[in-house]
């Protein structure tokens, strides 16, 4: 039996959305795990601090990562077809700030001066001290307004030495104990 295609509820379709500022204010109260999302093509590598990462399924092992279209990593992920999600520990706030553009003068490849970087299966940069690395191949890309949603199969994982998780809440990075 096939599923009926989903359609937007007509009664809800005409209701107005909240403003972008109101949405951002609300999202500040949603604590989210902090990751560095990376990609590489040849000698060119890029990464960014991200909180829009989510498990999709365990079978197959799959994540979704939302990346703003305007950042360099977006183009490299699309070109390489690979992405590494490096989940940060509470001790890695400097890495999160470097990749978020929050440290004066640290841009582009200089961000990789923060942390110890290597590669796993795909060649995308993997942070050696991460709580966990998810090395992935992109299997689908969806256009979502200002972002692309990269659906990615997990090809390899590497578990770090543990520690507290790093989350983002109310405009600040915070360590959260296990």
N, C-alpha and C. Protein backbone atom coordinates (compact mmCIF):
# COMPACT_ATOMS: atom_id res chain seq x y z
N UNK A 1 0.84 -1.18 0.00
CA UNK A 1 0.00 0.00 0.00
C UNK A 1 0.89 1.24 0.00
N UNK A 2 0.66 2.15 -0.95
CA UNK A 2 1.49 3.36 -1.03
C UNK A 2 0.91 4.45 -0.13
N UNK A 3 1.81 5.31 0.34
CA UNK A 3 1.42 6.42 1.19
C UNK A 3 0.81 7.53 0.36
N UNK A 4 -0.17 8.22 0.92
CA UNK A 4 -0.74 9.39 0.28
C UNK A 4 0.28 10.51 0.36
N UNK A 5 0.53 11.22 -0.74
CA UNK A 5 1.49 12.33 -0.67
C UNK A 5 1.04 13.37 0.36
N UNK A 6 2.00 13.89 1.07
CA UNK A 6 1.70 14.89 2.09
C UNK A 6 1.40 16.23 1.42
N UNK A 7 0.47 16.97 2.01
CA UNK A 7 0.14 18.31 1.52
C UNK A 7 -0.04 19.23 2.72
N UNK A 8 0.32 20.48 2.54
CA UNK A 8 0.17 21.49 3.57
C UNK A 8 -1.31 21.65 3.92
N UNK A 9 -1.61 21.75 5.21
CA UNK A 9 -2.97 21.96 5.69
C UNK A 9 -3.45 23.33 5.21
N UNK A 10 -4.50 23.37 4.41
CA UNK A 10 -5.00 24.62 3.85
C UNK A 10 -5.39 25.64 4.91
N UNK A 11 -5.92 25.19 6.04
CA UNK A 11 -6.32 26.11 7.10
C UNK A 11 -5.11 26.79 7.74
N UNK A 12 -3.96 26.11 7.72
CA UNK A 12 -2.76 26.67 8.33
C UNK A 12 -1.88 27.43 7.33
N UNK A 13 -2.08 27.19 6.06
CA UNK A 13 -1.21 27.74 5.02
C UNK A 13 -1.21 29.26 4.99
N UNK A 14 -2.30 29.90 5.36
CA UNK A 14 -2.42 31.36 5.26
C UNK A 14 -1.98 32.08 6.54
N UNK A 15 -1.67 31.34 7.59
CA UNK A 15 -1.26 31.98 8.84
C UNK A 15 0.13 32.59 8.69
N UNK A 16 0.36 33.78 9.30
CA UNK A 16 1.67 34.44 9.16
C UNK A 16 2.74 33.74 10.00
N UNK A 17 3.99 33.88 9.55
CA UNK A 17 5.14 33.36 10.30
C UNK A 17 5.59 34.40 11.32
N UNK A 18 6.32 33.97 12.33
CA UNK A 18 6.97 34.92 13.25
C UNK A 18 8.10 35.59 12.48
N UNK A 19 8.58 36.71 12.98
CA UNK A 19 9.69 37.40 12.31
C UNK A 19 10.99 36.61 12.52
N UNK A 20 11.98 36.87 11.68
CA UNK A 20 13.28 36.22 11.82
C UNK A 20 13.90 36.54 13.18
N UNK A 21 13.76 37.79 13.65
CA UNK A 21 14.31 38.16 14.96
C UNK A 21 13.62 37.41 16.09
N UNK A 22 12.30 37.27 16.00
CA UNK A 22 11.55 36.54 17.02
C UNK A 22 11.97 35.06 17.03
N UNK A 23 12.16 34.51 15.86
CA UNK A 23 12.61 33.12 15.76
C UNK A 23 14.00 32.95 16.38
N UNK A 24 14.93 33.87 16.04
CA UNK A 24 16.29 33.80 16.60
C UNK A 24 16.25 33.91 18.13
N UNK A 25 15.42 34.81 18.66
CA UNK A 25 15.29 34.94 20.12
C UNK A 25 14.81 33.63 20.74
N UNK A 26 13.86 32.99 20.11
CA UNK A 26 13.36 31.72 20.62
C UNK A 26 14.39 30.62 20.56
N UNK A 27 15.14 30.57 19.46
CA UNK A 27 16.15 29.51 19.29
C UNK A 27 17.30 29.64 20.27
N UNK A 28 17.52 30.85 20.80
CA UNK A 28 18.59 31.02 21.81
C UNK A 28 18.31 30.19 23.06
N UNK A 29 17.06 29.80 23.26
CA UNK A 29 16.68 29.02 24.45
C UNK A 29 16.69 27.52 24.20
N UNK A 30 17.05 27.11 22.98
CA UNK A 30 17.13 25.70 22.64
C UNK A 30 18.60 25.29 22.72
N UNK A 31 18.97 24.64 23.81
CA UNK A 31 20.36 24.20 23.96
C UNK A 31 20.69 23.18 22.87
N UNK A 32 21.86 23.34 22.26
CA UNK A 32 22.24 22.46 21.17
C UNK A 32 23.71 22.09 21.28
N UNK A 33 24.01 20.85 20.95
CA UNK A 33 25.38 20.37 20.90
C UNK A 33 26.16 21.17 19.87
N UNK A 34 27.44 21.41 20.14
CA UNK A 34 28.29 22.20 19.25
C UNK A 34 29.24 21.27 18.50
N UNK A 35 29.28 21.42 17.18
CA UNK A 35 30.16 20.63 16.32
C UNK A 35 30.94 21.55 15.40
N UNK A 36 32.09 21.07 14.96
CA UNK A 36 32.80 21.70 13.87
C UNK A 36 32.55 20.81 12.65
N UNK A 37 31.96 21.39 11.62
CA UNK A 37 31.65 20.66 10.40
C UNK A 37 32.71 21.04 9.37
N UNK A 38 33.37 20.03 8.78
CA UNK A 38 34.50 20.30 7.90
C UNK A 38 34.37 19.58 6.56
N UNK A 39 35.10 20.10 5.59
CA UNK A 39 35.20 19.48 4.27
C UNK A 39 36.53 19.87 3.67
N UNK A 40 36.97 19.08 2.68
CA UNK A 40 38.24 19.36 2.02
C UNK A 40 38.18 18.89 0.57
N UNK A 41 38.76 19.71 -0.31
CA UNK A 41 38.95 19.37 -1.71
C UNK A 41 40.38 19.74 -2.04
N UNK A 42 41.22 18.75 -2.36
CA UNK A 42 42.63 19.01 -2.61
C UNK A 42 43.27 19.61 -1.37
N UNK A 43 43.95 20.74 -1.53
CA UNK A 43 44.59 21.42 -0.39
C UNK A 43 43.66 22.42 0.28
N UNK A 44 42.48 22.61 -0.29
CA UNK A 44 41.54 23.59 0.25
C UNK A 44 40.64 22.92 1.27
N UNK A 45 40.63 23.46 2.49
CA UNK A 45 39.76 22.93 3.53
C UNK A 45 38.99 24.08 4.17
N UNK A 46 37.85 23.75 4.71
CA UNK A 46 36.99 24.75 5.34
C UNK A 46 36.20 24.08 6.44
N UNK A 47 35.76 24.89 7.37
CA UNK A 47 34.94 24.38 8.46
C UNK A 47 34.19 25.51 9.13
N UNK A 48 33.20 25.15 9.90
CA UNK A 48 32.41 26.12 10.63
C UNK A 48 31.86 25.49 11.89
N UNK A 49 31.54 26.33 12.85
CA UNK A 49 30.88 25.89 14.07
C UNK A 49 29.39 25.75 13.75
N UNK A 50 28.82 24.62 14.15
CA UNK A 50 27.42 24.35 13.81
C UNK A 50 26.68 23.73 14.98
N UNK A 51 25.40 24.06 15.07
CA UNK A 51 24.51 23.42 16.03
C UNK A 51 23.37 22.71 15.32
N UNK A 52 23.24 22.91 14.02
CA UNK A 52 22.15 22.30 13.25
C UNK A 52 22.59 20.96 12.66
N UNK A 53 22.83 20.00 13.56
CA UNK A 53 23.24 18.64 13.20
C UNK A 53 22.29 17.70 13.92
N UNK A 54 21.81 16.68 13.22
CA UNK A 54 20.84 15.79 13.84
C UNK A 54 20.96 14.38 13.27
N UNK A 55 20.74 13.39 14.11
CA UNK A 55 20.65 12.01 13.64
C UNK A 55 19.36 11.86 12.86
N UNK A 56 19.43 11.15 11.74
CA UNK A 56 18.24 10.88 10.94
C UNK A 56 17.75 9.46 11.21
N UNK A 57 18.64 8.49 11.00
CA UNK A 57 18.30 7.08 11.24
C UNK A 57 19.54 6.35 11.73
N UNK A 58 19.32 5.22 12.41
CA UNK A 58 20.42 4.35 12.81
C UNK A 58 20.67 3.27 11.77
N UNK A 59 19.66 2.95 10.98
CA UNK A 59 19.79 1.90 9.97
C UNK A 59 19.13 2.37 8.68
N UNK A 60 19.84 2.98 7.74
CA UNK A 60 21.29 3.13 7.75
C UNK A 60 21.72 4.26 8.68
N UNK A 61 22.98 4.22 9.16
CA UNK A 61 23.48 5.30 10.01
C UNK A 61 23.58 6.59 9.20
N UNK A 62 22.77 7.58 9.58
CA UNK A 62 22.63 8.77 8.74
C UNK A 62 22.41 10.01 9.60
N UNK A 63 23.06 11.10 9.19
CA UNK A 63 22.91 12.40 9.84
C UNK A 63 22.37 13.40 8.82
N UNK A 64 21.87 14.52 9.34
CA UNK A 64 21.58 15.67 8.50
C UNK A 64 22.29 16.87 9.10
N UNK A 65 22.90 17.66 8.23
CA UNK A 65 23.65 18.84 8.64
C UNK A 65 23.13 20.01 7.80
N UNK A 66 22.75 21.10 8.46
CA UNK A 66 22.27 22.29 7.77
C UNK A 66 23.39 23.32 7.74
N UNK A 67 23.76 23.77 6.52
CA UNK A 67 24.87 24.70 6.35
C UNK A 67 24.40 25.89 5.52
N UNK A 68 24.71 27.09 6.00
CA UNK A 68 24.38 28.30 5.28
C UNK A 68 25.07 28.28 3.91
N UNK A 69 24.33 28.66 2.89
CA UNK A 69 24.85 28.63 1.52
C UNK A 69 26.02 29.60 1.32
N UNK A 70 26.13 30.63 2.16
CA UNK A 70 27.13 31.67 1.94
C UNK A 70 28.51 31.32 2.50
N UNK A 71 28.65 30.24 3.26
CA UNK A 71 29.95 29.92 3.86
C UNK A 71 30.76 29.01 2.93
N UNK A 72 32.08 29.12 3.04
CA UNK A 72 32.99 28.37 2.16
C UNK A 72 32.80 26.86 2.29
N UNK A 73 32.51 26.39 3.48
CA UNK A 73 32.35 24.93 3.68
C UNK A 73 31.20 24.38 2.85
N UNK A 74 30.18 25.16 2.62
CA UNK A 74 29.03 24.69 1.85
C UNK A 74 29.48 24.25 0.46
N UNK A 75 30.25 25.08 -0.22
CA UNK A 75 30.71 24.75 -1.57
C UNK A 75 31.64 23.54 -1.55
N UNK A 76 32.51 23.44 -0.54
CA UNK A 76 33.43 22.30 -0.47
C UNK A 76 32.70 20.99 -0.19
N UNK A 77 31.68 21.05 0.65
CA UNK A 77 30.88 19.84 0.91
C UNK A 77 30.20 19.40 -0.37
N UNK A 78 29.62 20.33 -1.10
CA UNK A 78 28.94 19.99 -2.36
C UNK A 78 29.93 19.41 -3.36
N UNK A 79 31.13 20.00 -3.45
CA UNK A 79 32.12 19.54 -4.43
C UNK A 79 32.71 18.18 -4.05
N UNK A 80 33.04 18.01 -2.76
CA UNK A 80 33.71 16.78 -2.33
C UNK A 80 32.74 15.63 -2.11
N UNK A 81 31.50 15.95 -1.75
CA UNK A 81 30.54 14.90 -1.42
C UNK A 81 30.81 14.27 -0.07
N UNK A 82 31.63 14.94 0.75
CA UNK A 82 31.99 14.40 2.06
C UNK A 82 31.94 15.50 3.10
N UNK A 83 31.68 15.07 4.34
CA UNK A 83 31.63 16.00 5.46
C UNK A 83 32.05 15.24 6.71
N UNK A 84 32.77 15.92 7.60
CA UNK A 84 33.09 15.34 8.90
C UNK A 84 32.45 16.22 9.98
N UNK A 85 31.67 15.60 10.84
CA UNK A 85 31.03 16.28 11.97
C UNK A 85 31.86 15.93 13.20
N UNK A 86 32.47 16.96 13.80
CA UNK A 86 33.36 16.81 14.94
C UNK A 86 32.66 17.40 16.16
N UNK A 87 32.12 16.55 17.04
CA UNK A 87 31.34 17.00 18.19
C UNK A 87 32.31 17.41 19.30
N UNK A 88 32.14 18.63 19.82
CA UNK A 88 33.10 19.22 20.76
C UNK A 88 32.81 18.91 22.21
N UNK A 89 33.90 18.91 22.98
CA UNK A 89 33.81 18.76 24.44
C UNK A 89 33.77 20.14 25.07
N UNK A 90 33.43 20.18 26.34
CA UNK A 90 33.35 21.43 27.07
C UNK A 90 34.67 22.18 27.12
N UNK A 91 35.79 21.49 26.97
CA UNK A 91 37.11 22.11 27.00
C UNK A 91 37.49 22.73 25.65
N UNK A 92 36.64 22.61 24.64
CA UNK A 92 37.01 23.05 23.30
C UNK A 92 36.33 24.34 22.86
N UNK A 93 35.99 25.18 23.82
CA UNK A 93 35.40 26.48 23.48
C UNK A 93 36.29 27.29 22.55
N UNK A 94 37.63 27.31 22.73
CA UNK A 94 38.45 28.07 21.78
C UNK A 94 38.32 27.58 20.33
N UNK A 95 38.18 26.28 20.14
CA UNK A 95 38.00 25.74 18.79
C UNK A 95 36.65 26.21 18.23
N UNK A 96 35.61 26.13 19.06
CA UNK A 96 34.28 26.59 18.63
C UNK A 96 34.32 28.06 18.24
N UNK A 97 34.98 28.87 19.04
CA UNK A 97 35.05 30.32 18.75
C UNK A 97 35.86 30.58 17.48
N UNK A 98 36.96 29.85 17.27
CA UNK A 98 37.76 30.06 16.06
C UNK A 98 36.95 29.77 14.81
N UNK A 99 36.21 28.67 14.81
CA UNK A 99 35.44 28.28 13.62
C UNK A 99 34.14 29.06 13.49
N UNK A 100 33.75 29.79 14.54
CA UNK A 100 32.56 30.64 14.48
C UNK A 100 32.93 32.07 14.08
N UNK A 101 34.22 32.33 13.85
CA UNK A 101 34.65 33.69 13.49
C UNK A 101 34.63 34.64 14.66
N UNK A 102 34.76 34.11 15.89
CA UNK A 102 34.68 34.93 17.09
C UNK A 102 36.04 35.32 17.64
N UNK A 103 37.13 35.00 16.94
CA UNK A 103 38.47 35.38 17.37
C UNK A 103 39.05 36.30 16.30
N UNK A 104 39.38 37.53 16.70
CA UNK A 104 39.88 38.53 15.74
C UNK A 104 41.09 38.00 14.99
N UNK A 105 41.08 38.18 13.68
CA UNK A 105 42.20 37.82 12.84
C UNK A 105 42.28 36.35 12.46
N UNK A 106 41.40 35.52 13.00
CA UNK A 106 41.43 34.08 12.67
C UNK A 106 40.33 33.82 11.64
N UNK A 107 40.78 33.58 10.41
CA UNK A 107 39.86 33.35 9.30
C UNK A 107 40.40 32.21 8.45
N UNK A 108 39.56 31.64 7.60
CA UNK A 108 40.00 30.65 6.63
C UNK A 108 40.77 29.50 7.26
N UNK A 109 41.86 29.13 6.61
CA UNK A 109 42.63 27.97 7.04
C UNK A 109 43.28 28.17 8.42
N UNK A 110 43.45 29.40 8.86
CA UNK A 110 44.04 29.66 10.18
C UNK A 110 43.18 29.08 11.31
N UNK A 111 41.92 28.81 11.04
CA UNK A 111 41.06 28.19 12.04
C UNK A 111 41.58 26.80 12.42
N UNK A 112 42.23 26.12 11.48
CA UNK A 112 42.74 24.78 11.75
C UNK A 112 43.99 24.78 12.63
N UNK A 113 44.48 25.98 13.00
CA UNK A 113 45.55 26.07 14.00
C UNK A 113 45.03 25.73 15.39
N UNK A 114 43.73 25.73 15.54
CA UNK A 114 43.09 25.37 16.81
C UNK A 114 42.74 23.89 16.76
N UNK A 115 43.33 23.10 17.64
CA UNK A 115 43.08 21.66 17.67
C UNK A 115 44.11 20.91 16.85
N UNK A 116 44.06 19.60 16.97
CA UNK A 116 44.94 18.68 16.23
C UNK A 116 44.08 18.00 15.18
N UNK A 117 44.42 18.16 13.91
CA UNK A 117 43.59 17.70 12.81
C UNK A 117 44.26 16.57 12.04
N UNK A 118 43.47 15.60 11.64
CA UNK A 118 43.91 14.53 10.76
C UNK A 118 42.73 14.19 9.86
N UNK A 119 42.71 13.03 9.26
CA UNK A 119 41.60 12.63 8.40
C UNK A 119 41.27 11.18 8.70
N UNK A 120 40.05 10.80 8.37
CA UNK A 120 39.60 9.43 8.54
C UNK A 120 39.42 8.79 7.17
N UNK A 121 38.20 8.40 6.81
CA UNK A 121 37.94 7.69 5.56
C UNK A 121 37.79 8.63 4.36
N UNK A 122 37.02 9.71 4.52
CA UNK A 122 36.67 10.55 3.38
C UNK A 122 37.74 11.58 3.02
N UNK A 123 38.65 11.86 3.92
CA UNK A 123 39.64 12.91 3.71
C UNK A 123 39.23 14.25 4.28
N UNK A 124 37.99 14.39 4.76
CA UNK A 124 37.56 15.63 5.40
C UNK A 124 38.30 15.76 6.73
N UNK A 125 38.67 16.99 7.14
CA UNK A 125 39.41 17.16 8.38
C UNK A 125 38.63 16.64 9.59
N UNK A 126 39.34 15.86 10.43
CA UNK A 126 38.76 15.29 11.65
C UNK A 126 39.56 15.80 12.85
N UNK A 127 38.86 16.33 13.83
CA UNK A 127 39.49 16.87 15.03
C UNK A 127 39.87 15.74 15.97
N UNK A 128 41.17 15.63 16.26
CA UNK A 128 41.68 14.53 17.06
C UNK A 128 41.12 14.44 18.46
N UNK A 129 40.78 15.56 19.08
CA UNK A 129 40.32 15.56 20.47
C UNK A 129 38.80 15.65 20.60
N UNK A 130 38.07 15.46 19.54
CA UNK A 130 36.61 15.58 19.58
C UNK A 130 36.00 14.51 20.48
N UNK A 131 34.82 14.79 21.01
CA UNK A 131 34.08 13.76 21.75
C UNK A 131 33.79 12.59 20.83
N UNK A 132 33.38 12.91 19.62
CA UNK A 132 33.14 11.88 18.58
C UNK A 132 33.28 12.55 17.23
N UNK A 133 33.80 11.83 16.27
CA UNK A 133 33.84 12.27 14.88
C UNK A 133 32.91 11.37 14.09
N UNK A 134 32.13 11.98 13.22
CA UNK A 134 31.29 11.26 12.26
C UNK A 134 31.80 11.61 10.87
N UNK A 135 32.46 10.70 10.21
CA UNK A 135 32.99 10.92 8.87
C UNK A 135 31.97 10.38 7.87
N UNK A 136 31.49 11.23 6.97
CA UNK A 136 30.30 10.91 6.19
C UNK A 136 30.43 11.21 4.71
N UNK A 137 29.65 10.45 3.91
CA UNK A 137 29.47 10.79 2.50
C UNK A 137 28.06 11.39 2.35
N UNK A 138 27.96 12.42 1.57
CA UNK A 138 26.68 13.07 1.33
C UNK A 138 25.89 12.21 0.34
N UNK A 139 24.62 11.94 0.69
CA UNK A 139 23.77 11.14 -0.20
C UNK A 139 22.61 11.95 -0.79
N UNK A 140 22.26 13.06 -0.16
CA UNK A 140 21.19 13.92 -0.67
C UNK A 140 21.46 15.35 -0.22
N UNK A 141 21.05 16.30 -1.04
CA UNK A 141 21.16 17.72 -0.69
C UNK A 141 19.80 18.36 -0.95
N UNK A 142 19.27 19.04 0.05
CA UNK A 142 18.00 19.74 -0.08
C UNK A 142 18.24 21.23 0.06
N UNK A 143 17.57 22.00 -0.77
CA UNK A 143 17.63 23.45 -0.71
C UNK A 143 16.60 23.91 0.32
N UNK A 144 17.06 24.53 1.39
CA UNK A 144 16.16 25.00 2.46
C UNK A 144 16.38 26.49 2.69
N UNK A 145 15.86 27.33 1.80
CA UNK A 145 15.93 28.78 1.92
C UNK A 145 17.39 29.24 1.90
N UNK A 146 17.92 29.73 3.02
CA UNK A 146 19.29 30.24 3.09
C UNK A 146 20.32 29.14 3.31
N UNK A 147 19.87 27.90 3.51
CA UNK A 147 20.75 26.79 3.85
C UNK A 147 20.59 25.61 2.88
N UNK A 148 21.58 24.74 2.90
CA UNK A 148 21.44 23.42 2.30
C UNK A 148 21.35 22.41 3.43
N UNK A 149 20.49 21.43 3.27
CA UNK A 149 20.42 20.31 4.20
C UNK A 149 21.18 19.16 3.54
N UNK A 150 22.29 18.77 4.16
CA UNK A 150 23.11 17.68 3.66
C UNK A 150 22.76 16.42 4.43
N UNK A 151 22.15 15.46 3.76
CA UNK A 151 21.86 14.16 4.36
C UNK A 151 23.07 13.29 4.06
N UNK A 152 23.65 12.69 5.11
CA UNK A 152 24.93 12.01 4.93
C UNK A 152 24.96 10.67 5.65
N UNK A 153 25.48 9.67 4.96
CA UNK A 153 25.69 8.35 5.55
C UNK A 153 27.00 8.36 6.33
N UNK A 154 26.98 7.79 7.52
CA UNK A 154 28.17 7.73 8.38
C UNK A 154 29.02 6.54 7.94
N UNK A 155 30.24 6.84 7.49
CA UNK A 155 31.17 5.80 7.03
C UNK A 155 32.12 5.35 8.13
N UNK A 156 32.43 6.27 9.06
CA UNK A 156 33.36 5.95 10.15
C UNK A 156 33.07 6.85 11.34
N UNK A 157 33.31 6.31 12.52
CA UNK A 157 33.22 7.10 13.75
C UNK A 157 34.51 6.90 14.53
N UNK A 158 34.84 7.90 15.34
CA UNK A 158 35.98 7.79 16.25
C UNK A 158 35.56 8.45 17.56
N UNK A 159 35.59 7.67 18.63
CA UNK A 159 35.19 8.16 19.94
C UNK A 159 36.42 8.69 20.67
N UNK A 160 36.30 9.89 21.23
CA UNK A 160 37.40 10.50 21.96
C UNK A 160 37.50 9.98 23.38
N UNK A 161 38.25 10.71 24.18
CA UNK A 161 38.52 10.30 25.56
C UNK A 161 37.40 10.67 26.52
N UNK A 162 36.33 11.25 26.03
CA UNK A 162 35.20 11.60 26.89
C UNK A 162 35.30 13.04 27.36
N UNK A 163 34.63 13.32 28.44
CA UNK A 163 34.58 14.68 28.95
C UNK A 163 33.18 15.23 28.82
N UNK A 164 33.04 16.46 29.25
CA UNK A 164 31.77 17.16 29.16
C UNK A 164 31.47 17.54 27.73
N UNK A 165 30.21 17.65 27.41
CA UNK A 165 29.79 18.11 26.08
C UNK A 165 29.78 19.63 26.06
N UNK A 166 30.00 20.20 24.88
CA UNK A 166 29.87 21.64 24.70
C UNK A 166 28.52 21.91 24.05
N UNK A 167 27.75 22.81 24.67
CA UNK A 167 26.46 23.20 24.10
C UNK A 167 26.44 24.72 23.92
N UNK A 168 25.51 25.16 23.10
CA UNK A 168 25.30 26.59 22.87
C UNK A 168 23.92 26.92 23.39
N UNK A 169 23.85 27.90 24.30
CA UNK A 169 22.58 28.30 24.92
C UNK A 169 22.65 29.76 25.29
N UNK A 170 21.61 30.52 24.96
CA UNK A 170 21.51 31.94 25.29
C UNK A 170 22.73 32.73 24.84
N UNK A 171 23.24 32.42 23.65
CA UNK A 171 24.33 33.18 23.07
C UNK A 171 25.69 32.87 23.64
N UNK A 172 25.84 31.75 24.35
CA UNK A 172 27.13 31.41 24.95
C UNK A 172 27.40 29.91 24.85
N UNK A 173 28.69 29.58 24.78
CA UNK A 173 29.13 28.20 24.84
C UNK A 173 29.19 27.79 26.30
N UNK A 174 28.72 26.56 26.63
CA UNK A 174 28.69 26.08 28.00
C UNK A 174 29.04 24.60 28.03
N UNK A 175 29.87 24.22 28.97
CA UNK A 175 30.15 22.81 29.18
C UNK A 175 29.04 22.16 29.97
N UNK A 176 28.65 20.97 29.58
CA UNK A 176 27.57 20.24 30.26
C UNK A 176 28.11 18.86 30.64
N UNK A 177 28.12 18.56 31.93
CA UNK A 177 28.64 17.28 32.41
C UNK A 177 27.74 16.12 32.07
N UNK A 178 28.37 14.96 31.99
CA UNK A 178 27.64 13.72 31.68
C UNK A 178 26.77 13.31 32.85
